[in-house]
């Protein structure tokens, strides 16, 4: 969550948990297509930046697949 806090100003809602994913947070402004998702995996934090209007459920599904 600390990594996501750096970008909290980009969203009117601040940092939000990602539904369906533990240890995952997002910063999203609905006025722009930019969405940042932060996921912890094997003690590292990864940031996924989507510049497209990809539905959140699609991103979550792709992360959960082996």
PDB file of N, CA and C in Angstrom:
ATOM      1  N   UNK A   1       0.825  -1.196   0.000  1.00  0.00           N
ATOM      2  CA  UNK A   1       0.000   0.000   0.000  1.00  0.00           C
ATOM      3  C   UNK A   1       0.869   1.259   0.000  1.00  0.00           C
ATOM      4  N   UNK A   2       2.058   1.163   0.566  1.00  0.00           N
ATOM      5  CA  UNK A   2       2.935   2.336   0.608  1.00  0.00           C
ATOM      6  C   UNK A   2       3.285   2.813  -0.800  1.00  0.00           C
ATOM      7  N   UNK A   3       3.489   1.869  -1.719  1.00  0.00           N
ATOM      8  CA  UNK A   3       3.814   2.243  -3.100  1.00  0.00           C
ATOM      9  C   UNK A   3       2.641   2.989  -3.738  1.00  0.00           C
ATOM     10  N   UNK A   4       1.437   2.531  -3.479  1.00  0.00           N
ATOM     11  CA  UNK A   4       0.246   3.176  -4.047  1.00  0.00           C
ATOM     12  C   UNK A   4       0.032   4.563  -3.456  1.00  0.00           C
ATOM     13  N   UNK A   5       0.426   4.747  -2.203  1.00  0.00           N
ATOM     14  CA  UNK A   5       0.244   6.048  -1.552  1.00  0.00           C
ATOM     15  C   UNK A   5       0.958   7.182  -2.287  1.00  0.00           C
ATOM     16  N   UNK A   6       2.033   6.860  -2.993  1.00  0.00           N
ATOM     17  CA  UNK A   6       2.771   7.890  -3.748  1.00  0.00           C
ATOM     18  C   UNK A   6       1.910   8.514  -4.847  1.00  0.00           C
ATOM     19  N   UNK A   7       0.910   7.754  -5.314  1.00  0.00           N
ATOM     20  CA  UNK A   7       0.079   8.198  -6.438  1.00  0.00           C
ATOM     21  C   UNK A   7      -1.337   8.556  -6.010  1.00  0.00           C
ATOM     22  N   UNK A   8      -1.612   8.581  -4.727  1.00  0.00           N
ATOM     23  CA  UNK A   8      -2.977   8.810  -4.223  1.00  0.00           C
ATOM     24  C   UNK A   8      -3.587  10.099  -4.750  1.00  0.00           C
ATOM     25  N   UNK A   9      -2.788  11.103  -5.051  1.00  0.00           N
ATOM     26  CA  UNK A   9      -3.286  12.379  -5.558  1.00  0.00           C
ATOM     27  C   UNK A   9      -3.870  12.300  -6.959  1.00  0.00           C
ATOM     28  N   UNK A  10      -3.614  11.195  -7.681  1.00  0.00           N
ATOM     29  CA  UNK A  10      -4.135  11.038  -9.039  1.00  0.00           C
ATOM     30  C   UNK A  10      -5.600  10.617  -9.057  1.00  0.00           C
ATOM     31  N   UNK A  11      -6.143  10.257  -7.905  1.00  0.00           N
ATOM     32  CA  UNK A  11      -7.509   9.770  -7.851  1.00  0.00           C
ATOM     33  C   UNK A  11      -8.322  10.527  -6.812  1.00  0.00           C
ATOM     34  N   UNK A  12      -9.553  10.872  -7.152  1.00  0.00           N
ATOM     35  CA  UNK A  12     -10.391  11.537  -6.156  1.00  0.00           C
ATOM     36  C   UNK A  12     -10.716  10.638  -4.965  1.00  0.00           C
ATOM     37  N   UNK A  13     -10.632   9.319  -5.150  1.00  0.00           N
ATOM     38  CA  UNK A  13     -10.898   8.367  -4.068  1.00  0.00           C
ATOM     39  C   UNK A  13      -9.630   7.950  -3.335  1.00  0.00           C
ATOM     40  N   UNK A  14      -8.473   8.359  -3.828  1.00  0.00           N
ATOM     41  CA  UNK A  14      -7.217   7.942  -3.202  1.00  0.00           C
ATOM     42  C   UNK A  14      -6.892   6.492  -3.540  1.00  0.00           C
ATOM     43  N   UNK A  15      -6.315   5.784  -2.592  1.00  0.00           N
ATOM     44  CA  UNK A  15      -5.921   4.393  -2.789  1.00  0.00           C
ATOM     45  C   UNK A  15      -7.094   3.494  -2.415  1.00  0.00           C
ATOM     46  N   UNK A  16      -7.415   2.552  -3.321  1.00  0.00           N
ATOM     47  CA  UNK A  16      -8.524   1.629  -3.083  1.00  0.00           C
ATOM     48  C   UNK A  16      -8.024   0.190  -3.164  1.00  0.00           C
ATOM     49  N   UNK A  17      -8.584  -0.721  -2.353  1.00  0.00           N
ATOM     50  CA  UNK A  17      -8.229  -2.133  -2.504  1.00  0.00           C
ATOM     51  C   UNK A  17      -8.799  -2.673  -3.808  1.00  0.00           C
ATOM     52  N   UNK A  18      -8.137  -3.658  -4.383  1.00  0.00           N
ATOM     53  CA  UNK A  18      -8.626  -4.293  -5.603  1.00  0.00           C
ATOM     54  C   UNK A  18      -9.519  -5.460  -5.184  1.00  0.00           C
ATOM     55  N   UNK A  19     -10.789  -5.432  -5.567  1.00  0.00           N
ATOM     56  CA  UNK A  19     -11.685  -6.530  -5.186  1.00  0.00           C
ATOM     57  C   UNK A  19     -11.202  -7.863  -5.746  1.00  0.00           C
ATOM     58  N   UNK A  20     -11.159  -8.875  -4.909  1.00  0.00           N
ATOM     59  CA  UNK A  20     -10.767 -10.206  -5.352  1.00  0.00           C
ATOM     60  C   UNK A  20      -9.285 -10.495  -5.259  1.00  0.00           C
ATOM     61  N   UNK A  21      -8.466  -9.506  -4.910  1.00  0.00           N
ATOM     62  CA  UNK A  21      -7.021  -9.728  -4.798  1.00  0.00           C
ATOM     63  C   UNK A  21      -6.520  -9.265  -3.436  1.00  0.00           C
ATOM     64  N   UNK A  22      -5.842 -10.154  -2.732  1.00  0.00           N
ATOM     65  CA  UNK A  22      -5.233  -9.763  -1.462  1.00  0.00           C
ATOM     66  C   UNK A  22      -3.948  -9.002  -1.748  1.00  0.00           C
ATOM     67  N   UNK A  23      -3.616  -8.048  -0.906  1.00  0.00           N
ATOM     68  CA  UNK A  23      -2.382  -7.257  -1.055  1.00  0.00           C
ATOM     69  C   UNK A  23      -2.289  -6.570  -2.411  1.00  0.00           C
ATOM     70  N   UNK A  24      -3.412  -6.085  -2.909  1.00  0.00           N
ATOM     71  CA  UNK A  24      -3.418  -5.363  -4.178  1.00  0.00           C
ATOM     72  C   UNK A  24      -4.240  -4.089  -4.010  1.00  0.00           C
ATOM     73  N   UNK A  25      -3.707  -3.004  -4.564  1.00  0.00           N
ATOM     74  CA  UNK A  25      -4.356  -1.698  -4.432  1.00  0.00           C
ATOM     75  C   UNK A  25      -4.340  -0.998  -5.779  1.00  0.00           C
ATOM     76  N   UNK A  26      -5.265  -0.065  -5.955  1.00  0.00           N
ATOM     77  CA  UNK A  26      -5.288   0.677  -7.207  1.00  0.00           C
ATOM     78  C   UNK A  26      -5.513   2.152  -6.945  1.00  0.00           C
ATOM     79  N   UNK A  27      -5.035   2.934  -7.899  1.00  0.00           N
ATOM     80  CA  UNK A  27      -5.272   4.375  -7.930  1.00  0.00           C
ATOM     81  C   UNK A  27      -5.873   4.632  -9.312  1.00  0.00           C
ATOM     82  N   UNK A  28      -7.097   5.165  -9.315  1.00  0.00           N
ATOM     83  CA  UNK A  28      -7.818   5.291 -10.578  1.00  0.00           C
ATOM     84  C   UNK A  28      -8.655   6.559 -10.582  1.00  0.00           C
ATOM     85  N   UNK A  29      -8.501   7.346 -11.639  1.00  0.00           N
ATOM     86  CA  UNK A  29      -9.328   8.524 -11.831  1.00  0.00           C
ATOM     87  C   UNK A  29     -10.262   8.230 -12.995  1.00  0.00           C
ATOM     88  N   UNK A  30     -11.565   8.128 -12.750  1.00  0.00           N
ATOM     89  CA  UNK A  30     -12.491   7.781 -13.837  1.00  0.00           C
ATOM     90  C   UNK A  30     -12.534   8.802 -14.980  1.00  0.00           C
ATOM     91  N   UNK A  31     -12.010  10.001 -14.767  1.00  0.00           N
ATOM     92  CA  UNK A  31     -11.997  11.016 -15.834  1.00  0.00           C
ATOM     93  C   UNK A  31     -10.917  10.730 -16.874  1.00  0.00           C
ATOM     94  N   UNK A  32      -9.933   9.899 -16.520  1.00  0.00           N
ATOM     95  CA  UNK A  32      -8.851   9.558 -17.447  1.00  0.00           C
ATOM     96  C   UNK A  32      -8.776   8.042 -17.578  1.00  0.00           C
ATOM     97  N   UNK A  33      -8.200   7.530 -18.657  1.00  0.00           N
ATOM     98  CA  UNK A  33      -8.096   6.072 -18.796  1.00  0.00           C
ATOM     99  C   UNK A  33      -6.941   5.471 -17.985  1.00  0.00           C
ATOM    100  N   UNK A  34      -6.192   6.296 -17.270  1.00  0.00           N
ATOM    101  CA  UNK A  34      -5.018   5.799 -16.568  1.00  0.00           C
ATOM    102  C   UNK A  34      -5.398   5.125 -15.250  1.00  0.00           C
ATOM    103  N   UNK A  35      -4.998   3.871 -15.100  1.00  0.00           N
ATOM    104  CA  UNK A  35      -5.239   3.120 -13.871  1.00  0.00           C
ATOM    105  C   UNK A  35      -3.912   2.503 -13.431  1.00  0.00           C
ATOM    106  N   UNK A  36      -3.585   2.658 -12.160  1.00  0.00           N
ATOM    107  CA  UNK A  36      -2.373   2.046 -11.612  1.00  0.00           C
ATOM    108  C   UNK A  36      -2.792   0.977 -10.602  1.00  0.00           C
ATOM    109  N   UNK A  37      -2.262  -0.216 -10.788  1.00  0.00           N
ATOM    110  CA  UNK A  37      -2.559  -1.303  -9.862  1.00  0.00           C
ATOM    111  C   UNK A  37      -1.241  -1.777  -9.261  1.00  0.00           C
ATOM    112  N   UNK A  38      -1.232  -1.920  -7.953  1.00  0.00           N
ATOM    113  CA  UNK A  38      -0.040  -2.334  -7.209  1.00  0.00           C
ATOM    114  C   UNK A  38      -0.309  -3.702  -6.602  1.00  0.00           C
ATOM    115  N   UNK A  39       0.557  -4.666  -6.926  1.00  0.00           N
ATOM    116  CA  UNK A  39       0.373  -6.040  -6.470  1.00  0.00           C
ATOM    117  C   UNK A  39       1.663  -6.527  -5.830  1.00  0.00           C
ATOM    118  N   UNK A  40       1.534  -7.110  -4.643  1.00  0.00           N
ATOM    119  CA  UNK A  40       2.695  -7.711  -3.983  1.00  0.00           C
ATOM    120  C   UNK A  40       2.761  -9.176  -4.380  1.00  0.00           C
ATOM    121  N   UNK A  41       3.934  -9.600  -4.850  1.00  0.00           N
ATOM    122  CA  UNK A  41       4.146 -10.975  -5.273  1.00  0.00           C
ATOM    123  C   UNK A  41       5.567 -11.381  -4.908  1.00  0.00           C
ATOM    124  N   UNK A  42       5.691 -12.417  -4.127  1.00  0.00           N
ATOM    125  CA  UNK A  42       7.004 -12.917  -3.671  1.00  0.00           C
ATOM    126  C   UNK A  42       7.858 -11.797  -3.088  1.00  0.00           C
ATOM    127  N   UNK A  43       7.264 -11.043  -2.170  1.00  0.00           N
ATOM    128  CA  UNK A  43       7.932  -9.985  -1.420  1.00  0.00           C
ATOM    129  C   UNK A  43       8.390  -8.807  -2.266  1.00  0.00           C
ATOM    130  N   UNK A  44       7.898  -8.715  -3.501  1.00  0.00           N
ATOM    131  CA  UNK A  44       8.181  -7.562  -4.347  1.00  0.00           C
ATOM    132  C   UNK A  44       6.853  -6.920  -4.719  1.00  0.00           C
ATOM    133  N   UNK A  45       6.878  -5.623  -4.968  1.00  0.00           N
ATOM    134  CA  UNK A  45       5.665  -4.909  -5.366  1.00  0.00           C
ATOM    135  C   UNK A  45       5.788  -4.545  -6.838  1.00  0.00           C
ATOM    136  N   UNK A  46       4.769  -4.901  -7.594  1.00  0.00           N
ATOM    137  CA  UNK A  46       4.735  -4.608  -9.021  1.00  0.00           C
ATOM    138  C   UNK A  46       3.642  -3.586  -9.283  1.00  0.00           C
ATOM    139  N   UNK A  47       3.921  -2.660 -10.185  1.00  0.00           N
ATOM    140  CA  UNK A  47       2.933  -1.672 -10.579  1.00  0.00           C
ATOM    141  C   UNK A  47       2.536  -1.957 -12.024  1.00  0.00           C
ATOM    142  N   UNK A  48       1.259  -2.144 -12.238  1.00  0.00           N
ATOM    143  CA  UNK A  48       0.713  -2.325 -13.579  1.00  0.00           C
ATOM    144  C   UNK A  48       0.032  -1.017 -13.942  1.00  0.00           C
ATOM    145  N   UNK A  49       0.435  -0.431 -15.047  1.00  0.00           N
ATOM    146  CA  UNK A  49      -0.167   0.818 -15.493  1.00  0.00           C
ATOM    147  C   UNK A  49      -0.948   0.524 -16.757  1.00  0.00           C
ATOM    148  N   UNK A  50      -2.222   0.825 -16.714  1.00  0.00           N
ATOM    149  CA  UNK A  50      -3.075   0.611 -17.868  1.00  0.00           C
ATOM    150  C   UNK A  50      -3.508   1.955 -18.403  1.00  0.00           C
ATOM    151  N   UNK A  51      -3.189   2.220 -19.649  1.00  0.00           N
ATOM    152  CA  UNK A  51      -3.608   3.446 -20.307  1.00  0.00           C
ATOM    153  C   UNK A  51      -4.854   3.229 -21.137  1.00  0.00           C
ATOM    154  N   UNK A  52      -5.387   2.033 -21.069  1.00  0.00           N
ATOM    155  CA  UNK A  52      -6.585   1.675 -21.823  1.00  0.00           C
ATOM    156  C   UNK A  52      -7.754   1.538 -20.861  1.00  0.00           C
ATOM    157  N   UNK A  53      -8.924   1.471 -21.404  1.00  0.00           N
ATOM    158  CA  UNK A  53     -10.107   1.267 -20.563  1.00  0.00           C
ATOM    159  C   UNK A  53     -10.377  -0.235 -20.436  1.00  0.00           C
ATOM    160  N   UNK A  54      -9.448  -0.924 -19.803  1.00  0.00           N
ATOM    161  CA  UNK A  54      -9.589  -2.358 -19.564  1.00  0.00           C
ATOM    162  C   UNK A  54     -10.404  -2.527 -18.283  1.00  0.00           C
ATOM    163  N   UNK A  55     -11.450  -3.336 -18.323  1.00  0.00           N
ATOM    164  CA  UNK A  55     -12.236  -3.547 -17.106  1.00  0.00           C
ATOM    165  C   UNK A  55     -11.374  -4.148 -15.992  1.00  0.00           C
ATOM    166  N   UNK A  56     -11.610  -3.708 -14.773  1.00  0.00           N
ATOM    167  CA  UNK A  56     -10.845  -4.192 -13.627  1.00  0.00           C
ATOM    168  C   UNK A  56     -10.920  -5.709 -13.513  1.00  0.00           C
ATOM    169  N   UNK A  57     -12.083  -6.296 -13.788  1.00  0.00           N
ATOM    170  CA  UNK A  57     -12.237  -7.753 -13.692  1.00  0.00           C
ATOM    171  C   UNK A  57     -11.280  -8.473 -14.640  1.00  0.00           C
ATOM    172  N   UNK A  58     -11.027  -7.910 -15.801  1.00  0.00           N
ATOM    173  CA  UNK A  58     -10.104  -8.516 -16.778  1.00  0.00           C
ATOM    174  C   UNK A  58      -8.666  -8.471 -16.239  1.00  0.00           C
ATOM    175  N   UNK A  59      -8.298  -7.372 -15.643  1.00  0.00           N
ATOM    176  CA  UNK A  59      -6.947  -7.261 -15.072  1.00  0.00           C
ATOM    177  C   UNK A  59      -6.781  -8.241 -13.937  1.00  0.00           C
ATOM    178  N   UNK A  60      -7.764  -8.333 -13.049  1.00  0.00           N
ATOM    179  CA  UNK A  60      -7.692  -9.262 -11.922  1.00  0.00           C
ATOM    180  C   UNK A  60      -7.585 -10.696 -12.427  1.00  0.00           C
ATOM    181  N   UNK A  61      -8.375 -11.049 -13.432  1.00  0.00           N
ATOM    182  CA  UNK A  61      -8.336 -12.393 -13.996  1.00  0.00           C
ATOM    183  C   UNK A  61      -6.946 -12.723 -14.551  1.00  0.00           C
ATOM    184  N   UNK A  62      -6.339 -11.784 -15.243  1.00  0.00           N
ATOM    185  CA  UNK A  62      -5.021 -12.032 -15.834  1.00  0.00           C
ATOM    186  C   UNK A  62      -3.955 -12.184 -14.766  1.00  0.00           C
ATOM    187  N   UNK A  63      -4.110 -11.496 -13.646  1.00  0.00           N
ATOM    188  CA  UNK A  63      -3.132 -11.606 -12.558  1.00  0.00           C
ATOM    189  C   UNK A  63      -3.288 -12.948 -11.846  1.00  0.00           C
ATOM    190  N   UNK A  64      -4.500 -13.402 -11.696  1.00  0.00           N
ATOM    191  CA  UNK A  64      -4.763 -14.650 -10.953  1.00  0.00           C
ATOM    192  C   UNK A  64      -4.400 -15.908 -11.740  1.00  0.00           C
ATOM    193  N   UNK A  65      -4.306 -15.819 -13.047  1.00  0.00           N
ATOM    194  CA  UNK A  65      -3.971 -17.000 -13.848  1.00  0.00           C
ATOM    195  C   UNK A  65      -2.513 -17.357 -13.656  1.00  0.00           C
ATOM    196  N   UNK A  66      -2.233 -18.682 -13.577  1.00  0.00           N
ATOM    197  CA  UNK A  66      -0.827 -19.115 -13.395  1.00  0.00           C
ATOM    198  C   UNK A  66       0.021 -18.876 -14.612  1.00  0.00           C
TER     199      UNK A  66
END
